[in-house]
């Protein structure tokens, strides 16, 4: 286990009482409970950030794909026959 550093945190009496109740139920000490809560909070926020980044990436790729599709269809409309298409496009 990595070295631990002691910090001081100020909590309301209600919050501390709730922490102590959960700590007693889990048969852990305050430090273990607080470390677990902090890790859970960080994991949740990291997951939410990753989901947001993925959503933004999909939106960005959708716009790029739409641009490519429009360019291809525009090229098709401007060509007289399929014989004028590049070899890669002959099956389209």
Protein backbone atom coordinates (compact mmCIF):
# COMPACT_ATOMS: atom_id res chain seq x y z
CA UNK A 1 0.00 0.00 0.00
CA UNK A 2 1.35 3.46 -0.86
CA UNK A 3 2.30 5.83 1.93
CA UNK A 4 -0.63 7.62 3.52
CA UNK A 5 -0.85 11.33 4.22
CA UNK A 6 -3.02 12.68 6.99
CA UNK A 7 -5.41 15.49 6.06
CA UNK A 8 -7.88 17.49 8.06
CA UNK A 9 -11.48 17.68 6.85
CA UNK A 10 -14.30 19.66 8.43
CA UNK A 11 -17.75 18.01 8.32
CA UNK A 12 -21.11 19.02 9.72
CA UNK A 13 -22.22 17.00 12.73
CA UNK A 14 -25.05 15.48 10.67
CA UNK A 15 -22.69 14.36 7.91
CA UNK A 16 -20.18 12.99 10.42
CA UNK A 17 -22.97 11.09 12.18
CA UNK A 18 -24.04 9.58 8.85
CA UNK A 19 -20.45 8.62 8.04
CA UNK A 20 -20.07 7.03 11.47
CA UNK A 21 -23.33 5.07 11.01
CA UNK A 22 -22.19 3.64 7.69
CA UNK A 23 -18.72 3.02 9.05
CA UNK A 24 -20.17 1.00 11.93
CA UNK A 25 -22.41 -1.01 9.57
CA UNK A 26 -19.46 -1.86 7.34
CA UNK A 27 -17.20 -2.53 10.34
CA UNK A 28 -14.58 -0.15 9.00
CA UNK A 29 -12.84 2.86 10.44
CA UNK A 30 -13.48 6.46 9.36
CA UNK A 31 -10.31 6.62 7.30
CA UNK A 32 -11.19 3.53 5.27
CA UNK A 33 -14.73 4.80 4.75
CA UNK A 34 -13.56 8.23 3.64
CA UNK A 35 -10.94 6.78 1.28
CA UNK A 36 -13.60 4.51 -0.23
CA UNK A 37 -16.05 7.40 -0.61
CA UNK A 38 -13.44 9.63 -2.25
CA UNK A 39 -12.36 6.85 -4.63
CA UNK A 40 -16.00 6.15 -5.53
CA UNK A 41 -16.58 9.85 -6.20
CA UNK A 42 -13.48 10.10 -8.41
CA UNK A 43 -14.38 6.93 -10.35
CA UNK A 44 -17.92 8.20 -10.97
CA UNK A 45 -16.69 11.57 -12.24
CA UNK A 46 -14.04 9.93 -14.41
CA UNK A 47 -16.71 7.69 -15.96
CA UNK A 48 -19.03 10.65 -16.57
CA UNK A 49 -16.19 12.60 -18.21
CA UNK A 50 -15.35 9.65 -20.45
CA UNK A 51 -19.00 9.25 -21.50
CA UNK A 52 -19.19 12.98 -22.32
CA UNK A 53 -15.97 12.77 -24.36
CA UNK A 54 -17.34 9.76 -26.24
CA UNK A 55 -20.62 11.57 -26.99
CA UNK A 56 -18.70 14.57 -28.30
CA UNK A 57 -16.50 12.28 -30.41
CA UNK A 58 -19.52 10.56 -31.95
CA UNK A 59 -21.10 13.92 -32.78
CA UNK A 60 -17.85 15.14 -34.34
CA UNK A 61 -17.48 11.94 -36.38
CA UNK A 62 -21.12 12.16 -37.49
CA UNK A 63 -20.46 15.59 -38.96
CA UNK A 64 -17.30 14.36 -40.69
CA UNK A 65 -19.13 11.30 -42.06
CA UNK A 66 -22.02 13.46 -43.28
CA UNK A 67 -19.55 15.75 -45.07
CA UNK A 68 -17.91 12.74 -46.77
CA UNK A 69 -21.29 11.29 -47.75
CA UNK A 70 -22.42 14.59 -49.23
CA UNK A 71 -19.18 14.90 -51.20
CA UNK A 72 -19.56 11.38 -52.59
CA UNK A 73 -23.20 11.87 -53.59
CA UNK A 74 -22.34 15.23 -55.13
CA UNK A 75 -19.60 13.56 -57.19
CA UNK A 76 -22.00 10.83 -58.30
CA UNK A 77 -24.59 13.35 -59.45
CA UNK A 78 -21.99 15.28 -61.45
CA UNK A 79 -20.68 12.22 -63.30
CA UNK A 80 -22.29 11.16 -66.59
CA UNK A 81 -21.94 7.40 -66.13
CA UNK A 82 -20.49 4.85 -63.77
CA UNK A 83 -17.57 4.39 -66.15
CA UNK A 84 -16.25 7.78 -65.10
CA UNK A 85 -16.08 6.70 -61.46
CA UNK A 86 -12.76 5.82 -59.88
CA UNK A 87 -12.17 2.05 -59.70
CA UNK A 88 -12.84 2.01 -55.95
CA UNK A 89 -16.34 3.40 -56.55
CA UNK A 90 -17.41 1.04 -59.35
CA UNK A 91 -19.44 -1.08 -56.92
CA UNK A 92 -21.35 1.93 -55.49
